[in-house]
Amino acid sequence: MSAVTAETEEVDLAEVSLRELNSRLHALAQGSGPRHWRVRNPGGEHAIAAGLDADVEVDIDGHAGYYCAGMNKRATVRVHGMAGVGVAENMMSGTVIVEGNA
C-alpha cells in the first residue's frame, strides 16, 4: 500500500514491490514528485534506494539488505535499523546514515 500526504510519500514493501519503489524513486530525477519518502517493512530487501539521482530524503524503517543506497547521487538516505554489505557503495554525493550496524 502506498499513501501520499502533502509532505511524505509512504511505501510499504510488504505490499509494493521493491522494483516499483526504486522505479518511482528514479523517476524523481525528472524533477517532480515528493521530496520525502518513508519505506515501511523493508524486510532486509537488497538494493533499496539504489541509484538515486535527486535531492530527496528516504527514511527506511527497519533493516536493509545488501547495497542499500548504492550509487547514490544527491539523496539523503537514513536506515532506522541495520544495513548489509555494500551499503552506500559507489556513492557519488549525498548522505547515508545507518542507525544500527552496517
PDB file of N, CA and C in Angstrom:
ATOM      1  N   MET A   1       0.852  -1.176   0.000  1.00  0.00           N
ATOM      2  CA  MET A   1       0.000   0.000   0.000  1.00  0.00           C
ATOM      3  C   MET A   1       0.891   1.230   0.000  1.00  0.00           C
ATOM      4  N   SER A   2       0.471   2.231  -0.683  1.00  0.00           N
ATOM      5  CA  SER A   2       1.207   3.478  -0.771  1.00  0.00           C
ATOM      6  C   SER A   2       0.271   4.608  -0.368  1.00  0.00           C
ATOM      7  N   ALA A   3       0.731   5.452   0.524  1.00  0.00           N
ATOM      8  CA  ALA A   3      -0.100   6.565   0.985  1.00  0.00           C
ATOM      9  C   ALA A   3       0.619   7.865   0.674  1.00  0.00           C
ATOM     10  N   VAL A   4      -0.088   8.813   0.100  1.00  0.00           N
ATOM     11  CA  VAL A   4       0.506  10.092  -0.259  1.00  0.00           C
ATOM     12  C   VAL A   4      -0.041  11.171   0.660  1.00  0.00           C
ATOM     13  N   THR A   5       0.878  11.934   1.255  1.00  0.00           N
ATOM     14  CA  THR A   5       0.487  13.111   2.009  1.00  0.00           C
ATOM     15  C   THR A   5       1.126  14.300   1.324  1.00  0.00           C
ATOM     16  N   ALA A   6       0.825  15.486   1.798  1.00  0.00           N
ATOM     17  CA  ALA A   6       1.378  16.693   1.187  1.00  0.00           C
ATOM     18  C   ALA A   6       2.899  16.715   1.299  1.00  0.00           C
ATOM     19  N   GLU A   7       3.453  16.060   2.336  1.00  0.00           N
ATOM     20  CA  GLU A   7       4.879  16.175   2.586  1.00  0.00           C
ATOM     21  C   GLU A   7       5.652  14.877   2.396  1.00  0.00           C
ATOM     22  N   THR A   8       5.037  13.750   2.653  1.00  0.00           N
ATOM     23  CA  THR A   8       5.763  12.475   2.659  1.00  0.00           C
ATOM     24  C   THR A   8       5.021  11.418   1.855  1.00  0.00           C
ATOM     25  N   GLU A   9       5.769  10.708   1.031  1.00  0.00           N
ATOM     26  CA  GLU A   9       5.244   9.544   0.319  1.00  0.00           C
ATOM     27  C   GLU A   9       5.635   8.322   1.150  1.00  0.00           C
ATOM     28  N   GLU A  10       4.654   7.521   1.562  1.00  0.00           N
ATOM     29  CA  GLU A  10       4.928   6.312   2.333  1.00  0.00           C
ATOM     30  C   GLU A  10       4.696   5.098   1.451  1.00  0.00           C
ATOM     31  N   VAL A  11       5.669   4.186   1.475  1.00  0.00           N
ATOM     32  CA  VAL A  11       5.580   2.965   0.683  1.00  0.00           C
ATOM     33  C   VAL A  11       5.826   1.786   1.612  1.00  0.00           C
ATOM     34  N   ASP A  12       4.932   0.807   1.585  1.00  0.00           N
ATOM     35  CA  ASP A  12       5.036  -0.391   2.403  1.00  0.00           C
ATOM     36  C   ASP A  12       5.527  -1.530   1.508  1.00  0.00           C
ATOM     37  N   LEU A  13       6.765  -1.989   1.748  1.00  0.00           N
ATOM     38  CA  LEU A  13       7.321  -3.046   0.900  1.00  0.00           C
ATOM     39  C   LEU A  13       6.670  -4.407   1.149  1.00  0.00           C
ATOM     40  N   ALA A  14       5.791  -4.493   2.123  1.00  0.00           N
ATOM     41  CA  ALA A  14       5.001  -5.707   2.292  1.00  0.00           C
ATOM     42  C   ALA A  14       3.896  -5.764   1.242  1.00  0.00           C
ATOM     43  N   GLU A  15       3.594  -4.619   0.621  1.00  0.00           N
ATOM     44  CA  GLU A  15       2.501  -4.543  -0.345  1.00  0.00           C
ATOM     45  C   GLU A  15       2.916  -4.056  -1.729  1.00  0.00           C
ATOM     46  N   VAL A  16       4.061  -3.375  -1.806  1.00  0.00           N
ATOM     47  CA  VAL A  16       4.554  -2.824  -3.075  1.00  0.00           C
ATOM     48  C   VAL A  16       5.903  -3.469  -3.361  1.00  0.00           C
ATOM     49  N   SER A  17       6.174  -3.803  -4.610  1.00  0.00           N
ATOM     50  CA  SER A  17       7.448  -4.462  -4.930  1.00  0.00           C
ATOM     51  C   SER A  17       8.615  -3.485  -4.812  1.00  0.00           C
ATOM     52  N   LEU A  18       9.775  -4.030  -4.528  1.00  0.00           N
ATOM     53  CA  LEU A  18      10.997  -3.221  -4.470  1.00  0.00           C
ATOM     54  C   LEU A  18      11.268  -2.576  -5.826  1.00  0.00           C
ATOM     55  N   ARG A  19      11.021  -3.299  -6.885  1.00  0.00           N
ATOM     56  CA  ARG A  19      11.220  -2.763  -8.235  1.00  0.00           C
ATOM     57  C   ARG A  19      10.355  -1.517  -8.457  1.00  0.00           C
ATOM     58  N   GLU A  20       9.105  -1.567  -7.999  1.00  0.00           N
ATOM     59  CA  GLU A  20       8.214  -0.412  -8.147  1.00  0.00           C
ATOM     60  C   GLU A  20       8.713   0.774  -7.321  1.00  0.00           C
ATOM     61  N   LEU A  21       9.111   0.514  -6.072  1.00  0.00           N
ATOM     62  CA  LEU A  21       9.645   1.592  -5.239  1.00  0.00           C
ATOM     63  C   LEU A  21      10.841   2.249  -5.906  1.00  0.00           C
ATOM     64  N   ASN A  22      11.833   1.459  -6.301  1.00  0.00           N
ATOM     65  CA  ASN A  22      13.028   2.037  -6.913  1.00  0.00           C
ATOM     66  C   ASN A  22      12.715   2.756  -8.215  1.00  0.00           C
ATOM     67  N   SER A  23      11.780   2.244  -8.978  1.00  0.00           N
ATOM     68  CA  SER A  23      11.374   2.913 -10.217  1.00  0.00           C
ATOM     69  C   SER A  23      10.783   4.292  -9.924  1.00  0.00           C
ATOM     70  N   ARG A  24       9.940   4.360  -8.903  1.00  0.00           N
ATOM     71  CA  ARG A  24       9.332   5.647  -8.532  1.00  0.00           C
ATOM     72  C   ARG A  24      10.388   6.619  -8.010  1.00  0.00           C
ATOM     73  N   LEU A  25      11.356   6.109  -7.245  1.00  0.00           N
ATOM     74  CA  LEU A  25      12.432   6.969  -6.754  1.00  0.00           C
ATOM     75  C   LEU A  25      13.316   7.455  -7.900  1.00  0.00           C
ATOM     76  N   HIS A  26      13.600   6.608  -8.872  1.00  0.00           N
ATOM     77  CA  HIS A  26      14.425   7.006 -10.020  1.00  0.00           C
ATOM     78  C   HIS A  26      13.719   8.064 -10.864  1.00  0.00           C
ATOM     79  N   ALA A  27      12.403   8.009 -10.927  1.00  0.00           N
ATOM     80  CA  ALA A  27      11.634   8.996 -11.701  1.00  0.00           C
ATOM     81  C   ALA A  27      11.782  10.402 -11.133  1.00  0.00           C
ATOM     82  N   LEU A  28      12.200  10.528  -9.877  1.00  0.00           N
ATOM     83  CA  LEU A  28      12.374  11.852  -9.259  1.00  0.00           C
ATOM     84  C   LEU A  28      13.488  12.651  -9.920  1.00  0.00           C
ATOM     85  N   ALA A  29      14.378  11.982 -10.624  1.00  0.00           N
ATOM     86  CA  ALA A  29      15.451  12.684 -11.333  1.00  0.00           C
ATOM     87  C   ALA A  29      14.888  13.616 -12.407  1.00  0.00           C
ATOM     88  N   GLN A  30      13.643  13.378 -12.826  1.00  0.00           N
ATOM     89  CA  GLN A  30      12.994  14.229 -13.824  1.00  0.00           C
ATOM     90  C   GLN A  30      12.547  15.566 -13.236  1.00  0.00           C
ATOM     91  N   GLY A  31      12.595  15.687 -11.890  1.00  0.00           N
ATOM     92  CA  GLY A  31      12.337  16.978 -11.267  1.00  0.00           C
ATOM     93  C   GLY A  31      11.027  17.154 -10.526  1.00  0.00           C
ATOM     94  N   SER A  32      10.103  16.218 -10.618  1.00  0.00           N
ATOM     95  CA  SER A  32       8.850  16.406  -9.891  1.00  0.00           C
ATOM     96  C   SER A  32       8.553  15.186  -9.029  1.00  0.00           C
ATOM     97  N   GLY A  33       7.790  15.417  -7.976  1.00  0.00           N
ATOM     98  CA  GLY A  33       7.412  14.341  -7.069  1.00  0.00           C
ATOM     99  C   GLY A  33       7.773  14.698  -5.645  1.00  0.00           C
ATOM    100  N   PRO A  34       7.320  13.886  -4.700  1.00  0.00           N
ATOM    101  CA  PRO A  34       7.585  14.158  -3.285  1.00  0.00           C
ATOM    102  C   PRO A  34       9.086  14.151  -2.994  1.00  0.00           C
ATOM    103  N   ARG A  35       9.503  14.976  -2.071  1.00  0.00           N
ATOM    104  CA  ARG A  35      10.921  15.077  -1.712  1.00  0.00           C
ATOM    105  C   ARG A  35      11.250  14.339  -0.429  1.00  0.00           C
ATOM    106  N   HIS A  36      10.246  13.781   0.239  1.00  0.00           N
ATOM    107  CA  HIS A  36      10.498  12.959   1.418  1.00  0.00           C
ATOM    108  C   HIS A  36       9.730  11.655   1.278  1.00  0.00           C
ATOM    109  N   TRP A  37      10.436  10.541   1.487  1.00  0.00           N
ATOM    110  CA  TRP A  37       9.838   9.221   1.349  1.00  0.00           C
ATOM    111  C   TRP A  37      10.082   8.416   2.613  1.00  0.00           C
ATOM    112  N   ARG A  38       9.121   7.605   3.006  1.00  0.00           N
ATOM    113  CA  ARG A  38       9.263   6.700   4.140  1.00  0.00           C
ATOM    114  C   ARG A  38       8.962   5.295   3.626  1.00  0.00           C
ATOM    115  N   VAL A  39       9.924   4.391   3.838  1.00  0.00           N
ATOM    116  CA  VAL A  39       9.782   2.997   3.403  1.00  0.00           C
ATOM    117  C   VAL A  39       9.528   2.140   4.634  1.00  0.00           C
ATOM    118  N   ARG A  40       8.383   1.501   4.668  1.00  0.00           N
ATOM    119  CA  ARG A  40       7.989   0.629   5.777  1.00  0.00           C
ATOM    120  C   ARG A  40       8.220  -0.833   5.382  1.00  0.00           C
ATOM    121  N   ASN A  41       8.466  -1.671   6.378  1.00  0.00           N
ATOM    122  CA  ASN A  41       8.628  -3.119   6.187  1.00  0.00           C
ATOM    123  C   ASN A  41       9.644  -3.492   5.108  1.00  0.00           C
ATOM    124  N   PRO A  42      10.879  -2.990   5.221  1.00  0.00           N
ATOM    125  CA  PRO A  42      11.873  -3.308   4.197  1.00  0.00           C
ATOM    126  C   PRO A  42      12.277  -4.783   4.192  1.00  0.00           C
ATOM    127  N   GLY A  43      12.161  -5.453   5.324  1.00  0.00           N
ATOM    128  CA  GLY A  43      12.374  -6.897   5.372  1.00  0.00           C
ATOM    129  C   GLY A  43      13.726  -7.381   4.886  1.00  0.00           C
ATOM    130  N   GLY A  44      14.768  -6.555   4.981  1.00  0.00           N
ATOM    131  CA  GLY A  44      16.103  -6.971   4.550  1.00  0.00           C
ATOM    132  C   GLY A  44      16.281  -7.054   3.047  1.00  0.00           C
ATOM    133  N   GLU A  45      15.364  -6.448   2.283  1.00  0.00           N
ATOM    134  CA  GLU A  45      15.485  -6.457   0.815  1.00  0.00           C
ATOM    135  C   GLU A  45      16.808  -5.820   0.393  1.00  0.00           C
ATOM    136  N   HIS A  46      17.365  -6.306  -0.703  1.00  0.00           N
ATOM    137  CA  HIS A  46      18.630  -5.792  -1.223  1.00  0.00           C
ATOM    138  C   HIS A  46      18.389  -4.650  -2.208  1.00  0.00           C
ATOM    139  N   ALA A  47      19.323  -3.690  -2.240  1.00  0.00           N
ATOM    140  CA  ALA A  47      19.337  -2.576  -3.198  1.00  0.00           C
ATOM    141  C   ALA A  47      18.169  -1.601  -3.023  1.00  0.00           C
ATOM    142  N   ILE A  48      17.717  -1.415  -1.804  1.00  0.00           N
ATOM    143  CA  ILE A  48      16.683  -0.413  -1.548  1.00  0.00           C
ATOM    144  C   ILE A  48      17.288   0.970  -1.794  1.00  0.00           C
ATOM    145  N   ALA A  49      16.597   1.799  -2.533  1.00  0.00           N
ATOM    146  CA  ALA A  49      17.012   3.178  -2.814  1.00  0.00           C
ATOM    147  C   ALA A  49      18.374   3.239  -3.502  1.00  0.00           C
ATOM    148  N   ALA A  50      18.686   2.268  -4.321  1.00  0.00           N
ATOM    149  CA  ALA A  50      19.950   2.268  -5.065  1.00  0.00           C
ATOM    150  C   ALA A  50      19.798   3.085  -6.348  1.00  0.00           C
ATOM    151  N   GLY A  51      20.852   3.799  -6.698  1.00  0.00           N
ATOM    152  CA  GLY A  51      20.887   4.541  -7.957  1.00  0.00           C
ATOM    153  C   GLY A  51      20.094   5.831  -7.964  1.00  0.00           C
ATOM    154  N   LEU A  52      19.920   6.460  -6.824  1.00  0.00           N
ATOM    155  CA  LEU A  52      19.152   7.710  -6.765  1.00  0.00           C
ATOM    156  C   LEU A  52      19.960   8.875  -7.328  1.00  0.00           C
ATOM    157  N   ASP A  53      19.281   9.772  -8.011  1.00  0.00           N
ATOM    158  CA  ASP A  53      19.915  10.961  -8.584  1.00  0.00           C
ATOM    159  C   ASP A  53      18.956  12.138  -8.449  1.00  0.00           C
ATOM    160  N   ALA A  54      18.632  12.493  -7.197  1.00  0.00           N
ATOM    161  CA  ALA A  54      17.708  13.600  -6.937  1.00  0.00           C
ATOM    162  C   ALA A  54      17.914  14.089  -5.510  1.00  0.00           C
ATOM    163  N   ASP A  55      17.567  15.340  -5.272  1.00  0.00           N
ATOM    164  CA  ASP A  55      17.586  15.899  -3.924  1.00  0.00           C
ATOM    165  C   ASP A  55      16.334  15.409  -3.206  1.00  0.00           C
ATOM    166  N   VAL A  56      16.451  14.271  -2.552  1.00  0.00           N
ATOM    167  CA  VAL A  56      15.323  13.618  -1.911  1.00  0.00           C
ATOM    168  C   VAL A  56      15.803  12.999  -0.605  1.00  0.00           C
ATOM    169  N   GLU A  57      14.899  12.859   0.362  1.00  0.00           N
ATOM    170  CA  GLU A  57      15.194  12.188   1.620  1.00  0.00           C
ATOM    171  C   GLU A  57      14.398  10.899   1.663  1.00  0.00           C
ATOM    172  N   VAL A  58      15.077   9.799   2.000  1.00  0.00           N
ATOM    173  CA  VAL A  58      14.420   8.493   2.099  1.00  0.00           C
ATOM    174  C   VAL A  58      14.719   7.927   3.479  1.00  0.00           C
ATOM    175  N   ASP A  59      13.676   7.693   4.272  1.00  0.00           N
ATOM    176  CA  ASP A  59      13.799   7.050   5.573  1.00  0.00           C
ATOM    177  C   ASP A  59      13.343   5.606   5.422  1.00  0.00           C
ATOM    178  N   ILE A  60      14.203   4.670   5.801  1.00  0.00           N
ATOM    179  CA  ILE A  60      13.881   3.248   5.733  1.00  0.00           C
ATOM    180  C   ILE A  60      13.671   2.770   7.162  1.00  0.00           C
ATOM    181  N   ASP A  61      12.440   2.383   7.475  1.00  0.00           N
ATOM    182  CA  ASP A  61      12.074   1.968   8.828  1.00  0.00           C
ATOM    183  C   ASP A  61      12.263   0.472   9.005  1.00  0.00           C
ATOM    184  N   GLY A  62      13.490   0.062   9.305  1.00  0.00           N
ATOM    185  CA  GLY A  62      13.800  -1.348   9.513  1.00  0.00           C
ATOM    186  C   GLY A  62      15.115  -1.703   8.864  1.00  0.00           C
ATOM    187  N   HIS A  63      15.376  -3.003   8.766  1.00  0.00           N
ATOM    188  CA  HIS A  63      16.652  -3.489   8.266  1.00  0.00           C
ATOM    189  C   HIS A  63      16.671  -3.548   6.740  1.00  0.00           C
ATOM    190  N   ALA A  64      17.799  -3.117   6.181  1.00  0.00           N
ATOM    191  CA  ALA A  64      18.014  -3.163   4.733  1.00  0.00           C
ATOM    192  C   ALA A  64      19.080  -4.207   4.429  1.00  0.00           C
ATOM    193  N   GLY A  65      18.979  -4.841   3.295  1.00  0.00           N
ATOM    194  CA  GLY A  65      19.952  -5.855   2.890  1.00  0.00           C
ATOM    195  C   GLY A  65      21.167  -5.244   2.202  1.00  0.00           C
ATOM    196  N   TYR A  66      21.734  -5.993   1.288  1.00  0.00           N
ATOM    197  CA  TYR A  66      22.949  -5.574   0.582  1.00  0.00           C
ATOM    198  C   TYR A  66      22.692  -4.373  -0.327  1.00  0.00           C
ATOM    199  N   TYR A  67      23.700  -3.544  -0.480  1.00  0.00           N
ATOM    200  CA  TYR A  67      23.763  -2.446  -1.448  1.00  0.00           C
ATOM    201  C   TYR A  67      22.695  -1.373  -1.282  1.00  0.00           C
ATOM    202  N   CYS A  68      22.167  -1.211  -0.092  1.00  0.00           N
ATOM    203  CA  CYS A  68      21.214  -0.134   0.172  1.00  0.00           C
ATOM    204  C   CYS A  68      21.872   1.208  -0.148  1.00  0.00           C
ATOM    205  N   ALA A  69      21.191   2.061  -0.860  1.00  0.00           N
ATOM    206  CA  ALA A  69      21.650   3.403  -1.227  1.00  0.00           C
ATOM    207  C   ALA A  69      22.937   3.390  -2.032  1.00  0.00           C
ATOM    208  N   GLY A  70      23.228   2.294  -2.700  1.00  0.00           N
ATOM    209  CA  GLY A  70      24.401   2.242  -3.566  1.00  0.00           C
ATOM    210  C   GLY A  70      24.228   3.182  -4.753  1.00  0.00           C
ATOM    211  N   MET A  71      25.332   3.677  -5.275  1.00  0.00           N
ATOM    212  CA  MET A  71      25.351   4.596  -6.423  1.00  0.00           C
ATOM    213  C   MET A  71      24.519   5.853  -6.160  1.00  0.00           C
ATOM    214  N   ASN A  72      24.481   6.276  -4.914  1.00  0.00           N
ATOM    215  CA  ASN A  72      23.711   7.467  -4.537  1.00  0.00           C
ATOM    216  C   ASN A  72      24.346   8.725  -5.118  1.00  0.00           C
ATOM    217  N   LYS A  73      23.500   9.608  -5.573  1.00  0.00           N
ATOM    218  CA  LYS A  73      23.930  10.916  -6.042  1.00  0.00           C
ATOM    219  C   LYS A  73      22.890  11.912  -5.544  1.00  0.00           C
ATOM    220  N   ARG A  74      23.275  12.754  -4.562  1.00  0.00           N
ATOM    221  CA  ARG A  74      22.473  13.866  -4.065  1.00  0.00           C
ATOM    222  C   ARG A  74      21.460  13.509  -2.984  1.00  0.00           C
ATOM    223  N   ALA A  75      21.017  12.287  -2.858  1.00  0.00           N
ATOM    224  CA  ALA A  75      19.960  11.935  -1.909  1.00  0.00           C
ATOM    225  C   ALA A  75      20.500  11.759  -0.490  1.00  0.00           C
ATOM    226  N   THR A  76      19.596  11.908   0.482  1.00  0.00           N
ATOM    227  CA  THR A  76      19.887  11.577   1.872  1.00  0.00           C
ATOM    228  C   THR A  76      19.057  10.346   2.220  1.00  0.00           C
ATOM    229  N   VAL A  77      19.733   9.276   2.598  1.00  0.00           N
ATOM    230  CA  VAL A  77      19.065   8.023   2.936  1.00  0.00           C
ATOM    231  C   VAL A  77      19.410   7.692   4.382  1.00  0.00           C
ATOM    232  N   ARG A  78      18.396   7.460   5.185  1.00  0.00           N
ATOM    233  CA  ARG A  78      18.590   7.113   6.600  1.00  0.00           C
ATOM    234  C   ARG A  78      17.942   5.751   6.839  1.00  0.00           C
ATOM    235  N   VAL A  79      18.749   4.797   7.341  1.00  0.00           N
ATOM    236  CA  VAL A  79      18.261   3.465   7.670  1.00  0.00           C
ATOM    237  C   VAL A  79      18.052   3.408   9.173  1.00  0.00           C
ATOM    238  N   HIS A  80      16.813   3.243   9.589  1.00  0.00           N
ATOM    239  CA  HIS A  80      16.466   3.116  11.001  1.00  0.00           C
ATOM    240  C   HIS A  80      16.511   1.634  11.359  1.00  0.00           C
ATOM    241  N   GLY A  81      17.700   1.070  11.292  1.00  0.00           N
ATOM    242  CA  GLY A  81      17.925  -0.348  11.528  1.00  0.00           C
ATOM    243  C   GLY A  81      19.322  -0.702  11.063  1.00  0.00           C
ATOM    244  N   MET A  82      19.524  -1.932  10.671  1.00  0.00           N
ATOM    245  CA  MET A  82      20.818  -2.430  10.196  1.00  0.00           C
ATOM    246  C   MET A  82      20.860  -2.390   8.671  1.00  0.00           C
ATOM    247  N   ALA A  83      22.087  -2.427   8.129  1.00  0.00           N
ATOM    248  CA  ALA A  83      22.266  -2.492   6.674  1.00  0.00           C
ATOM    249  C   ALA A  83      23.350  -3.512   6.357  1.00  0.00           C
ATOM    250  N   GLY A  84      23.186  -4.210   5.248  1.00  0.00           N
ATOM    251  CA  GLY A  84      24.112  -5.267   4.861  1.00  0.00           C
ATOM    252  C   GLY A  84      25.314  -4.760   4.087  1.00  0.00           C
ATOM    253  N   VAL A  85      26.047  -5.706   3.557  1.00  0.00           N
ATOM    254  CA  VAL A  85      27.266  -5.451   2.800  1.00  0.00           C
ATOM    255  C   VAL A  85      27.009  -4.469   1.657  1.00  0.00           C
ATOM    256  N   GLY A  86      27.951  -3.588   1.408  1.00  0.00           N
ATOM    257  CA  GLY A  86      27.888  -2.681   0.262  1.00  0.00           C
ATOM    258  C   GLY A  86      26.994  -1.472   0.456  1.00  0.00           C
ATOM    259  N   VAL A  87      26.560  -1.189   1.689  1.00  0.00           N
ATOM    260  CA  VAL A  87      25.735  -0.002   1.908  1.00  0.00           C
ATOM    261  C   VAL A  87      26.501   1.215   1.396  1.00  0.00           C
ATOM    262  N   ALA A  88      25.833   2.064   0.621  1.00  0.00           N
ATOM    263  CA  ALA A  88      26.392   3.298   0.056  1.00  0.00           C
ATOM    264  C   ALA A  88      27.575   3.041  -0.881  1.00  0.00           C
ATOM    265  N   GLU A  89      27.695   1.849  -1.407  1.00  0.00           N
ATOM    266  CA  GLU A  89      28.801   1.546  -2.314  1.00  0.00           C
ATOM    267  C   GLU A  89      28.715   2.393  -3.580  1.00  0.00           C
ATOM    268  N   ASN A  90      29.863   2.880  -4.018  1.00  0.00           N
ATOM    269  CA  ASN A  90      29.983   3.692  -5.233  1.00  0.00           C
ATOM    270  C   ASN A  90      29.162   4.972  -5.143  1.00  0.00           C
ATOM    271  N   MET A  91      29.061   5.521  -3.943  1.00  0.00           N
ATOM    272  CA  MET A  91      28.312   6.761  -3.714  1.00  0.00           C
ATOM    273  C   MET A  91      29.069   7.934  -4.314  1.00  0.00           C
ATOM    274  N   MET A  92      28.374   8.782  -5.039  1.00  0.00           N
ATOM    275  CA  MET A  92      28.980   9.951  -5.671  1.00  0.00           C
ATOM    276  C   MET A  92      28.866  11.183  -4.785  1.00  0.00           C
ATOM    277  N   SER A  93      27.687  11.374  -4.188  1.00  0.00           N
ATOM    278  CA  SER A  93      27.416  12.512  -3.302  1.00  0.00           C
ATOM    279  C   SER A  93      26.188  12.181  -2.484  1.00  0.00           C
ATOM    280  N   GLY A  94      25.805  13.091  -1.611  1.00  0.00           N
ATOM    281  CA  GLY A  94      24.657  12.839  -0.758  1.00  0.00           C
ATOM    282  C   GLY A  94      25.095  12.326   0.594  1.00  0.00           C
ATOM    283  N   THR A  95      24.146  11.758   1.343  1.00  0.00           N
ATOM    284  CA  THR A  95      24.412  11.285   2.701  1.00  0.00           C
ATOM    285  C   THR A  95      23.684   9.970   2.926  1.00  0.00           C
ATOM    286  N   VAL A  96      24.370   9.043   3.597  1.00  0.00           N
ATOM    287  CA  VAL A  96      23.736   7.789   4.012  1.00  0.00           C
ATOM    288  C   VAL A  96      24.052   7.600   5.483  1.00  0.00           C
ATOM    289  N   ILE A  97      22.998   7.434   6.288  1.00  0.00           N
ATOM    290  CA  ILE A  97      23.132   7.252   7.731  1.00  0.00           C
ATOM    291  C   ILE A  97      22.498   5.916   8.092  1.00  0.00           C
ATOM    292  N   VAL A  98      23.250   5.086   8.815  1.00  0.00           N
ATOM    293  CA  VAL A  98      22.724   3.813   9.305  1.00  0.00           C
ATOM    294  C   VAL A  98      22.709   3.900  10.818  1.00  0.00           C
ATOM    295  N   GLU A  99      21.531   3.822  11.402  1.00  0.00           N
ATOM    296  CA  GLU A  99      21.403   3.966  12.850  1.00  0.00           C
ATOM    297  C   GLU A  99      21.726   2.686  13.599  1.00  0.00           C
ATOM    298  N   GLY A 100      21.810   1.566  12.903  1.00  0.00           N
ATOM    299  CA  GLY A 100      22.189   0.294  13.513  1.00  0.00           C
ATOM    300  C   GLY A 100      23.574  -0.104  13.036  1.00  0.00           C
ATOM    301  N   ASN A 101      23.837  -1.382  12.986  1.00  0.00           N
ATOM    302  CA  ASN A 101      25.115  -1.890  12.484  1.00  0.00           C
ATOM    303  C   ASN A 101      25.114  -1.950  10.977  1.00  0.00           C
ATOM    304  N   ALA A 102      26.304  -1.811  10.402  1.00  0.00           N
ATOM    305  CA  ALA A 102      26.452  -1.924   8.955  1.00  0.00           C
ATOM    306  C   ALA A 102      27.639  -2.821   8.653  1.00  0.00           C
TER     307      ALA A 102
END
